[in-house]
Amino acid sequence: MDADTSTDTRALAEDGAWWQVDLGATRHIRQAEVWNDASAATADFDIVTDDGTVHVSGKALRPTVVNLDGRTRTVRIVKTGPGRVALSQVLIH
């Protein structure tokens, strides 16, 4: 987001809350690097791309690296468990 892991972005705590990035065009991606916010609030979430969904169980780390290896225009992080989507950084490789 802003390359500063001390600032956070948050979505609502309601079921199905999400955070999304538009890559501007369909691109080949290998990994998503998800950095939890300072309070470690993000847990049990899906990473959704045009090629499918990958579920991450438990709390996101600083960072949690998820292998995706596909093509997509958008990457969406969707809350599937308690808490909220609260991130300090997301890197798409």
PDB file of N, CA and C in Angstrom:
ATOM      1  N   MET A   1       0.832  -1.166   0.000  1.00  0.00           N
ATOM      2  CA  MET A   1       0.000   0.000   0.000  1.00  0.00           C
ATOM      3  C   MET A   1       0.885   1.240   0.000  1.00  0.00           C
ATOM      4  N   ASP A   2       1.447   1.582   1.158  1.00  0.00           N
ATOM      5  CA  ASP A   2       2.308   2.758   1.179  1.00  0.00           C
ATOM      6  C   ASP A   2       3.749   2.418   1.564  1.00  0.00           C
ATOM      7  N   ALA A   3       4.076   1.118   1.600  1.00  0.00           N
ATOM      8  CA  ALA A   3       5.418   0.624   1.931  1.00  0.00           C
ATOM      9  C   ALA A   3       5.823   0.942   3.364  1.00  0.00           C
ATOM     10  N   ASP A   4       4.857   1.254   4.219  1.00  0.00           N
ATOM     11  CA  ASP A   4       5.115   1.554   5.621  1.00  0.00           C
ATOM     12  C   ASP A   4       4.302   0.583   6.468  1.00  0.00           C
ATOM     13  N   THR A   5       4.974  -0.367   7.112  1.00  0.00           N
ATOM     14  CA  THR A   5       4.251  -1.380   7.886  1.00  0.00           C
ATOM     15  C   THR A   5       3.789  -0.866   9.248  1.00  0.00           C
ATOM     16  N   SER A   6       3.972   0.430   9.522  1.00  0.00           N
ATOM     17  CA  SER A   6       3.468   0.983  10.781  1.00  0.00           C
ATOM     18  C   SER A   6       2.121   1.687  10.591  1.00  0.00           C
ATOM     19  N   THR A   7       1.627   1.787   9.355  1.00  0.00           N
ATOM     20  CA  THR A   7       0.296   2.333   9.109  1.00  0.00           C
ATOM     21  C   THR A   7      -0.623   1.204   8.658  1.00  0.00           C
ATOM     22  N   ASP A   8      -1.903   1.319   8.961  1.00  0.00           N
ATOM     23  CA  ASP A   8      -2.841   0.238   8.707  1.00  0.00           C
ATOM     24  C   ASP A   8      -4.032   0.702   7.886  1.00  0.00           C
ATOM     25  N   THR A   9      -4.674  -0.264   7.236  1.00  0.00           N
ATOM     26  CA  THR A   9      -5.957  -0.043   6.574  1.00  0.00           C
ATOM     27  C   THR A   9      -6.905  -1.106   7.099  1.00  0.00           C
ATOM     28  N   ARG A  10      -8.176  -0.761   7.287  1.00  0.00           N
ATOM     29  CA  ARG A  10      -9.129  -1.702   7.868  1.00  0.00           C
ATOM     30  C   ARG A  10     -10.432  -1.694   7.103  1.00  0.00           C
ATOM     31  N   ALA A  11     -11.037  -2.873   7.041  1.00  0.00           N
ATOM     32  CA  ALA A  11     -12.391  -3.014   6.507  1.00  0.00           C
ATOM     33  C   ALA A  11     -13.331  -3.194   7.692  1.00  0.00           C
ATOM     34  N   LEU A  12     -14.613  -3.117   7.441  1.00  0.00           N
ATOM     35  CA  LEU A  12     -15.593  -3.336   8.501  1.00  0.00           C
ATOM     36  C   LEU A  12     -15.467  -4.749   9.052  1.00  0.00           C
ATOM     37  N   ALA A  13     -15.991  -4.972  10.243  1.00  0.00           N
ATOM     38  CA  ALA A  13     -15.915  -6.286  10.884  1.00  0.00           C
ATOM     39  C   ALA A  13     -17.083  -7.186  10.486  1.00  0.00           C
ATOM     40  N   GLU A  14     -17.939  -6.746   9.581  1.00  0.00           N
ATOM     41  CA  GLU A  14     -19.104  -7.555   9.193  1.00  0.00           C
ATOM     42  C   GLU A  14     -18.685  -8.773   8.377  1.00  0.00           C
ATOM     43  N   ASP A  15     -19.532  -9.816   8.384  1.00  0.00           N
ATOM     44  CA  ASP A  15     -19.255 -11.021   7.614  1.00  0.00           C
ATOM     45  C   ASP A  15     -19.044 -10.676   6.144  1.00  0.00           C
ATOM     46  N   GLY A  16     -18.017 -11.251   5.549  1.00  0.00           N
ATOM     47  CA  GLY A  16     -17.732 -11.030   4.138  1.00  0.00           C
ATOM     48  C   GLY A  16     -16.985  -9.745   3.827  1.00  0.00           C
ATOM     49  N   ALA A  17     -16.551  -8.999   4.857  1.00  0.00           N
ATOM     50  CA  ALA A  17     -15.793  -7.761   4.618  1.00  0.00           C
ATOM     51  C   ALA A  17     -14.540  -8.088   3.816  1.00  0.00           C
ATOM     52  N   TRP A  18     -14.085  -7.144   2.979  1.00  0.00           N
ATOM     53  CA  TRP A  18     -12.953  -7.423   2.107  1.00  0.00           C
ATOM     54  C   TRP A  18     -12.121  -6.183   1.847  1.00  0.00           C
ATOM     55  N   TRP A  19     -10.901  -6.440   1.383  1.00  0.00           N
ATOM     56  CA  TRP A  19      -9.945  -5.437   0.903  1.00  0.00           C
ATOM     57  C   TRP A  19      -9.533  -5.904  -0.477  1.00  0.00           C
ATOM     58  N   GLN A  20      -9.394  -4.974  -1.425  1.00  0.00           N
ATOM     59  CA  GLN A  20      -9.082  -5.377  -2.804  1.00  0.00           C
ATOM     60  C   GLN A  20      -8.119  -4.415  -3.456  1.00  0.00           C
ATOM     61  N   VAL A  21      -7.288  -4.956  -4.338  1.00  0.00           N
ATOM     62  CA  VAL A  21      -6.421  -4.142  -5.179  1.00  0.00           C
ATOM     63  C   VAL A  21      -6.691  -4.512  -6.639  1.00  0.00           C
ATOM     64  N   ASP A  22      -6.740  -3.501  -7.492  1.00  0.00           N
ATOM     65  CA  ASP A  22      -6.874  -3.678  -8.940  1.00  0.00           C
ATOM     66  C   ASP A  22      -5.483  -3.460  -9.534  1.00  0.00           C
ATOM     67  N   LEU A  23      -4.964  -4.463 -10.206  1.00  0.00           N
ATOM     68  CA  LEU A  23      -3.618  -4.391 -10.768  1.00  0.00           C
ATOM     69  C   LEU A  23      -3.556  -3.604 -12.075  1.00  0.00           C
ATOM     70  N   GLY A  24      -4.702  -3.145 -12.567  1.00  0.00           N
ATOM     71  CA  GLY A  24      -4.737  -2.308 -13.761  1.00  0.00           C
ATOM     72  C   GLY A  24      -4.833  -3.070 -15.067  1.00  0.00           C
ATOM     73  N   ALA A  25      -4.458  -4.331 -15.050  1.00  0.00           N
ATOM     74  CA  ALA A  25      -4.524  -5.218 -16.212  1.00  0.00           C
ATOM     75  C   ALA A  25      -4.357  -6.640 -15.696  1.00  0.00           C
ATOM     76  N   THR A  26      -4.750  -7.608 -16.492  1.00  0.00           N
ATOM     77  CA  THR A  26      -4.531  -9.003 -16.098  1.00  0.00           C
ATOM     78  C   THR A  26      -3.043  -9.290 -16.135  1.00  0.00           C
ATOM     79  N   ARG A  27      -2.536  -9.808 -15.034  1.00  0.00           N
ATOM     80  CA  ARG A  27      -1.099 -10.064 -14.899  1.00  0.00           C
ATOM     81  C   ARG A  27      -0.864 -11.464 -14.334  1.00  0.00           C
ATOM     82  N   HIS A  28       0.299 -12.019 -14.629  1.00  0.00           N
ATOM     83  CA  HIS A  28       0.708 -13.278 -14.006  1.00  0.00           C
ATOM     84  C   HIS A  28       1.242 -12.940 -12.619  1.00  0.00           C
ATOM     85  N   ILE A  29       0.699 -13.594 -11.598  1.00  0.00           N
ATOM     86  CA  ILE A  29       1.175 -13.373 -10.235  1.00  0.00           C
ATOM     87  C   ILE A  29       1.647 -14.701  -9.655  1.00  0.00           C
ATOM     88  N   ARG A  30       2.669 -14.638  -8.830  1.00  0.00           N
ATOM     89  CA  ARG A  30       3.215 -15.833  -8.196  1.00  0.00           C
ATOM     90  C   ARG A  30       2.798 -15.942  -6.742  1.00  0.00           C
ATOM     91  N   GLN A  31       2.818 -14.801  -6.025  1.00  0.00           N
ATOM     92  CA  GLN A  31       2.564 -14.820  -4.594  1.00  0.00           C
ATOM     93  C   GLN A  31       1.864 -13.548  -4.142  1.00  0.00           C
ATOM     94  N   ALA A  32       1.177 -13.678  -3.016  1.00  0.00           N
ATOM     95  CA  ALA A  32       0.681 -12.510  -2.282  1.00  0.00           C
ATOM     96  C   ALA A  32       1.385 -12.516  -0.933  1.00  0.00           C
ATOM     97  N   GLU A  33       1.896 -11.380  -0.552  1.00  0.00           N
ATOM     98  CA  GLU A  33       2.567 -11.207   0.737  1.00  0.00           C
ATOM     99  C   GLU A  33       1.670 -10.296   1.573  1.00  0.00           C
ATOM    100  N   VAL A  34       1.031 -10.874   2.582  1.00  0.00           N
ATOM    101  CA  VAL A  34       0.047 -10.160   3.398  1.00  0.00           C
ATOM    102  C   VAL A  34       0.671  -9.842   4.753  1.00  0.00           C
ATOM    103  N   TRP A  35       0.670  -8.571   5.107  1.00  0.00           N
ATOM    104  CA  TRP A  35       1.214  -8.124   6.395  1.00  0.00           C
ATOM    105  C   TRP A  35       0.045  -7.724   7.287  1.00  0.00           C
ATOM    106  N   ASN A  36      -0.096  -8.395   8.417  1.00  0.00           N
ATOM    107  CA  ASN A  36      -1.136  -8.067   9.376  1.00  0.00           C
ATOM    108  C   ASN A  36      -0.892  -6.682   9.963  1.00  0.00           C
ATOM    109  N   ASP A  37      -1.948  -6.061  10.467  1.00  0.00           N
ATOM    110  CA  ASP A  37      -1.778  -4.760  11.117  1.00  0.00           C
ATOM    111  C   ASP A  37      -1.073  -4.938  12.460  1.00  0.00           C
ATOM    112  N   ALA A  38      -0.762  -3.844  13.116  1.00  0.00           N
ATOM    113  CA  ALA A  38       0.004  -3.887  14.364  1.00  0.00           C
ATOM    114  C   ALA A  38      -0.708  -4.651  15.473  1.00  0.00           C
ATOM    115  N   SER A  39      -2.042  -4.681  15.458  1.00  0.00           N
ATOM    116  CA  SER A  39      -2.779  -5.392  16.509  1.00  0.00           C
ATOM    117  C   SER A  39      -3.031  -6.851  16.142  1.00  0.00           C
ATOM    118  N   ALA A  40      -2.546  -7.302  14.981  1.00  0.00           N
ATOM    119  CA  ALA A  40      -2.699  -8.691  14.515  1.00  0.00           C
ATOM    120  C   ALA A  40      -4.165  -9.106  14.472  1.00  0.00           C
ATOM    121  N   ALA A  41      -4.991  -8.263  13.868  1.00  0.00           N
ATOM    122  CA  ALA A  41      -6.433  -8.506  13.840  1.00  0.00           C
ATOM    123  C   ALA A  41      -6.895  -9.429  12.713  1.00  0.00           C
ATOM    124  N   THR A  42      -6.151  -9.527  11.622  1.00  0.00           N
ATOM    125  CA  THR A  42      -6.605 -10.304  10.468  1.00  0.00           C
ATOM    126  C   THR A  42      -6.331 -11.786  10.684  1.00  0.00           C
ATOM    127  N   ALA A  43      -7.402 -12.588  10.633  1.00  0.00           N
ATOM    128  CA  ALA A  43      -7.274 -14.037  10.801  1.00  0.00           C
ATOM    129  C   ALA A  43      -8.369 -14.713   9.998  1.00  0.00           C
ATOM    130  N   ASP A  44      -8.076 -15.937   9.544  1.00  0.00           N
ATOM    131  CA  ASP A  44      -9.048 -16.729   8.782  1.00  0.00           C
ATOM    132  C   ASP A  44      -9.631 -15.914   7.626  1.00  0.00           C
ATOM    133  N   PHE A  45      -8.921 -15.931   6.508  1.00  0.00           N
ATOM    134  CA  PHE A  45      -9.326 -15.136   5.349  1.00  0.00           C
ATOM    135  C   PHE A  45      -9.043 -15.898   4.064  1.00  0.00           C
ATOM    136  N   ASP A  46      -9.716 -15.477   3.007  1.00  0.00           N
ATOM    137  CA  ASP A  46      -9.490 -16.016   1.672  1.00  0.00           C
ATOM    138  C   ASP A  46      -8.778 -14.982   0.830  1.00  0.00           C
ATOM    139  N   ILE A  47      -7.882 -15.445  -0.034  1.00  0.00           N
ATOM    140  CA  ILE A  47      -7.307 -14.596  -1.073  1.00  0.00           C
ATOM    141  C   ILE A  47      -7.967 -15.038  -2.372  1.00  0.00           C
ATOM    142  N   VAL A  48      -8.713 -14.122  -2.991  1.00  0.00           N
ATOM    143  CA  VAL A  48      -9.517 -14.441  -4.162  1.00  0.00           C
ATOM    144  C   VAL A  48      -8.922 -13.757  -5.388  1.00  0.00           C
ATOM    145  N   THR A  49      -8.669 -14.561  -6.447  1.00  0.00           N
ATOM    146  CA  THR A  49      -8.191 -14.040  -7.726  1.00  0.00           C
ATOM    147  C   THR A  49      -9.109 -14.564  -8.825  1.00  0.00           C
ATOM    148  N   ASP A  50      -8.862 -14.146 -10.047  1.00  0.00           N
ATOM    149  CA  ASP A  50      -9.653 -14.650 -11.178  1.00  0.00           C
ATOM    150  C   ASP A  50      -9.485 -16.157 -11.356  1.00  0.00           C
ATOM    151  N   ASP A  51      -8.353 -16.710 -10.908  1.00  0.00           N
ATOM    152  CA  ASP A  51      -8.074 -18.139 -11.061  1.00  0.00           C
ATOM    153  C   ASP A  51      -8.573 -18.991  -9.905  1.00  0.00           C
ATOM    154  N   GLY A  52      -9.071 -18.387  -8.834  1.00  0.00           N
ATOM    155  CA  GLY A  52      -9.566 -19.196  -7.724  1.00  0.00           C
ATOM    156  C   GLY A  52      -9.372 -18.535  -6.377  1.00  0.00           C
ATOM    157  N   THR A  53      -9.548 -19.342  -5.344  1.00  0.00           N
ATOM    158  CA  THR A  53      -9.501 -18.874  -3.965  1.00  0.00           C
ATOM    159  C   THR A  53      -8.550 -19.743  -3.153  1.00  0.00           C
ATOM    160  N   VAL A  54      -7.734 -19.094  -2.318  1.00  0.00           N
ATOM    161  CA  VAL A  54      -6.856 -19.796  -1.387  1.00  0.00           C
ATOM    162  C   VAL A  54      -7.253 -19.356   0.013  1.00  0.00           C
ATOM    163  N   HIS A  55      -7.518 -20.323   0.894  1.00  0.00           N
ATOM    164  CA  HIS A  55      -7.890 -20.013   2.273  1.00  0.00           C
ATOM    165  C   HIS A  55      -6.657 -19.999   3.163  1.00  0.00           C
ATOM    166  N   VAL A  56      -6.589 -19.020   4.055  1.00  0.00           N
ATOM    167  CA  VAL A  56      -5.517 -18.928   5.047  1.00  0.00           C
ATOM    168  C   VAL A  56      -6.168 -19.061   6.418  1.00  0.00           C
ATOM    169  N   SER A  57      -5.774 -20.094   7.167  1.00  0.00           N
ATOM    170  CA  SER A  57      -6.307 -20.329   8.507  1.00  0.00           C
ATOM    171  C   SER A  57      -5.413 -19.685   9.554  1.00  0.00           C
ATOM    172  N   GLY A  58      -6.019 -19.185  10.600  1.00  0.00           N
ATOM    173  CA  GLY A  58      -5.267 -18.570  11.693  1.00  0.00           C
ATOM    174  C   GLY A  58      -4.900 -17.139  11.373  1.00  0.00           C
ATOM    175  N   LYS A  59      -4.155 -16.525  12.287  1.00  0.00           N
ATOM    176  CA  LYS A  59      -3.775 -15.127  12.130  1.00  0.00           C
ATOM    177  C   LYS A  59      -2.733 -14.941  11.040  1.00  0.00           C
ATOM    178  N   ALA A  60      -2.890 -13.866  10.294  1.00  0.00           N
ATOM    179  CA  ALA A  60      -1.867 -13.480   9.334  1.00  0.00           C
ATOM    180  C   ALA A  60      -0.635 -13.020  10.111  1.00  0.00           C
ATOM    181  N   LEU A  61       0.519 -13.277   9.558  1.00  0.00           N
ATOM    182  CA  LEU A  61       1.771 -12.895  10.193  1.00  0.00           C
ATOM    183  C   LEU A  61       2.251 -11.565   9.620  1.00  0.00           C
ATOM    184  N   ARG A  62       3.490 -11.272   9.857  1.00  0.00           N
ATOM    185  CA  ARG A  62       4.100 -10.066   9.318  1.00  0.00           C
ATOM    186  C   ARG A  62       5.403 -10.443   8.628  1.00  0.00           C
ATOM    187  N   PRO A  63       5.407 -11.133   7.486  1.00  0.00           N
ATOM    188  CA  PRO A  63       4.286 -11.361   6.563  1.00  0.00           C
ATOM    189  C   PRO A  63       3.799 -12.818   6.553  1.00  0.00           C
ATOM    190  N   THR A  64       2.668 -13.005   5.912  1.00  0.00           N
ATOM    191  CA  THR A  64       2.188 -14.320   5.494  1.00  0.00           C
ATOM    192  C   THR A  64       2.335 -14.349   3.981  1.00  0.00           C
ATOM    193  N   VAL A  65       3.083 -15.317   3.464  1.00  0.00           N
ATOM    194  CA  VAL A  65       3.309 -15.422   2.021  1.00  0.00           C
ATOM    195  C   VAL A  65       2.477 -16.591   1.497  1.00  0.00           C
ATOM    196  N   VAL A  66       1.654 -16.315   0.479  1.00  0.00           N
ATOM    197  CA  VAL A  66       0.751 -17.319  -0.086  1.00  0.00           C
ATOM    198  C   VAL A  66       1.096 -17.508  -1.556  1.00  0.00           C
ATOM    199  N   ASN A  67       1.369 -18.742  -1.954  1.00  0.00           N
ATOM    200  CA  ASN A  67       1.644 -19.048  -3.357  1.00  0.00           C
ATOM    201  C   ASN A  67       0.335 -19.080  -4.134  1.00  0.00           C
ATOM    202  N   LEU A  68       0.289 -18.364  -5.258  1.00  0.00           N
ATOM    203  CA  LEU A  68      -0.919 -18.272  -6.069  1.00  0.00           C
ATOM    204  C   LEU A  68      -0.705 -18.802  -7.481  1.00  0.00           C
ATOM    205  N   ASP A  69       0.358 -18.393  -8.143  1.00  0.00           N
ATOM    206  CA  ASP A  69       0.721 -18.815  -9.498  1.00  0.00           C
ATOM    207  C   ASP A  69      -0.479 -18.865 -10.441  1.00  0.00           C
ATOM    208  N   GLY A  70      -0.927 -17.701 -10.859  1.00  0.00           N
ATOM    209  CA  GLY A  70      -2.051 -17.621 -11.779  1.00  0.00           C
ATOM    210  C   GLY A  70      -2.096 -16.273 -12.470  1.00  0.00           C
ATOM    211  N   ARG A  71      -3.192 -16.032 -13.162  1.00  0.00           N
ATOM    212  CA  ARG A  71      -3.399 -14.761 -13.863  1.00  0.00           C
ATOM    213  C   ARG A  71      -4.640 -14.091 -13.286  1.00  0.00           C
ATOM    214  N   THR A  72      -4.535 -12.800 -13.015  1.00  0.00           N
ATOM    215  CA  THR A  72      -5.663 -12.076 -12.450  1.00  0.00           C
ATOM    216  C   THR A  72      -5.488 -10.582 -12.658  1.00  0.00           C
ATOM    217  N   ARG A  73      -6.582  -9.872 -12.581  1.00  0.00           N
ATOM    218  CA  ARG A  73      -6.536  -8.416 -12.583  1.00  0.00           C
ATOM    219  C   ARG A  73      -6.696  -7.870 -11.169  1.00  0.00           C
ATOM    220  N   THR A  74      -7.470  -8.583 -10.328  1.00  0.00           N
ATOM    221  CA  THR A  74      -7.702  -8.115  -8.963  1.00  0.00           C
ATOM    222  C   THR A  74      -7.292  -9.186  -7.957  1.00  0.00           C
ATOM    223  N   VAL A  75      -6.910  -8.733  -6.795  1.00  0.00           N
ATOM    224  CA  VAL A  75      -6.635  -9.607  -5.658  1.00  0.00           C
ATOM    225  C   VAL A  75      -7.489  -9.085  -4.515  1.00  0.00           C
ATOM    226  N   ARG A  76      -8.316  -9.968  -3.968  1.00  0.00           N
ATOM    227  CA  ARG A  76      -9.232  -9.586  -2.892  1.00  0.00           C
ATOM    228  C   ARG A  76      -8.948 -10.446  -1.670  1.00  0.00           C
ATOM    229  N   ILE A  77      -8.888  -9.805  -0.508  1.00  0.00           N
ATOM    230  CA  ILE A  77      -8.735 -10.504   0.766  1.00  0.00           C
ATOM    231  C   ILE A  77     -10.075 -10.397   1.479  1.00  0.00           C
ATOM    232  N   VAL A  78     -10.694 -11.567   1.738  1.00  0.00           N
ATOM    233  CA  VAL A  78     -12.054 -11.623   2.273  1.00  0.00           C
ATOM    234  C   VAL A  78     -12.034 -12.277   3.650  1.00  0.00           C
ATOM    235  N   LYS A  79     -12.640 -11.627   4.616  1.00  0.00           N
ATOM    236  CA  LYS A  79     -12.752 -12.157   5.980  1.00  0.00           C
ATOM    237  C   LYS A  79     -13.685 -13.347   5.988  1.00  0.00           C
ATOM    238  N   THR A  80     -13.230 -14.466   6.572  1.00  0.00           N
ATOM    239  CA  THR A  80     -14.088 -15.644   6.696  1.00  0.00           C
ATOM    240  C   THR A  80     -14.284 -16.043   8.157  1.00  0.00           C
ATOM    241  N   GLY A  81     -13.523 -15.447   9.059  1.00  0.00           N
ATOM    242  CA  GLY A  81     -13.615 -15.784  10.478  1.00  0.00           C
ATOM    243  C   GLY A  81     -13.918 -14.560  11.307  1.00  0.00           C
ATOM    244  N   PRO A  82     -13.701 -14.649  12.621  1.00  0.00           N
ATOM    245  CA  PRO A  82     -13.969 -13.507  13.504  1.00  0.00           C
ATOM    246  C   PRO A  82     -12.977 -12.378  13.259  1.00  0.00           C
ATOM    247  N   GLY A  83     -13.291 -11.220  13.765  1.00  0.00           N
ATOM    248  CA  GLY A  83     -12.395 -10.072  13.631  1.00  0.00           C
ATOM    249  C   GLY A  83     -12.666  -9.288  12.365  1.00  0.00           C
ATOM    250  N   ARG A  84     -11.632  -8.661  11.860  1.00  0.00           N
ATOM    251  CA  ARG A  84     -11.770  -7.800  10.680  1.00  0.00           C
ATOM    252  C   ARG A  84     -10.572  -7.962   9.766  1.00  0.00           C
ATOM    253  N   VAL A  85     -10.668  -7.445   8.571  1.00  0.00           N
ATOM    254  CA  VAL A  85      -9.526  -7.360   7.677  1.00  0.00           C
ATOM    255  C   VAL A  85      -8.796  -6.064   8.046  1.00  0.00           C
ATOM    256  N   ALA A  86      -7.605  -6.198   8.598  1.00  0.00           N
ATOM    257  CA  ALA A  86      -6.811  -5.054   9.036  1.00  0.00           C
ATOM    258  C   ALA A  86      -5.368  -5.312   8.622  1.00  0.00           C
ATOM    259  N   LEU A  87      -4.897  -4.575   7.646  1.00  0.00           N
ATOM    260  CA  LEU A  87      -3.603  -4.855   7.016  1.00  0.00           C
ATOM    261  C   LEU A  87      -2.677  -3.656   7.084  1.00  0.00           C
ATOM    262  N   SER A  88      -1.374  -3.937   7.178  1.00  0.00           N
ATOM    263  CA  SER A  88      -0.408  -2.851   7.089  1.00  0.00           C
ATOM    264  C   SER A  88       0.246  -2.812   5.718  1.00  0.00           C
ATOM    265  N   GLN A  89       0.257  -3.962   5.023  1.00  0.00           N
ATOM    266  CA  GLN A  89       0.864  -3.984   3.694  1.00  0.00           C
ATOM    267  C   GLN A  89       0.446  -5.249   2.964  1.00  0.00           C
ATOM    268  N   VAL A  90       0.258  -5.127   1.648  1.00  0.00           N
ATOM    269  CA  VAL A  90       0.018  -6.273   0.787  1.00  0.00           C
ATOM    270  C   VAL A  90       0.913  -6.092  -0.428  1.00  0.00           C
ATOM    271  N   LEU A  91       1.746  -7.099  -0.704  1.00  0.00           N
ATOM    272  CA  LEU A  91       2.611  -7.069  -1.874  1.00  0.00           C
ATOM    273  C   LEU A  91       2.184  -8.203  -2.790  1.00  0.00           C
ATOM    274  N   ILE A  92       2.041  -7.914  -4.074  1.00  0.00           N
ATOM    275  CA  ILE A  92       1.703  -8.923  -5.074  1.00  0.00           C
ATOM    276  C   ILE A  92       2.936  -9.110  -5.940  1.00  0.00           C
ATOM    277  N   HIS A  93       3.439 -10.333  -5.968  1.00  0.00           N
ATOM    278  CA  HIS A  93       4.651 -10.641  -6.740  1.00  0.00           C
ATOM    279  C   HIS A  93       4.275 -11.366  -8.015  1.00  0.00           C
TER     280      HIS A  93
END
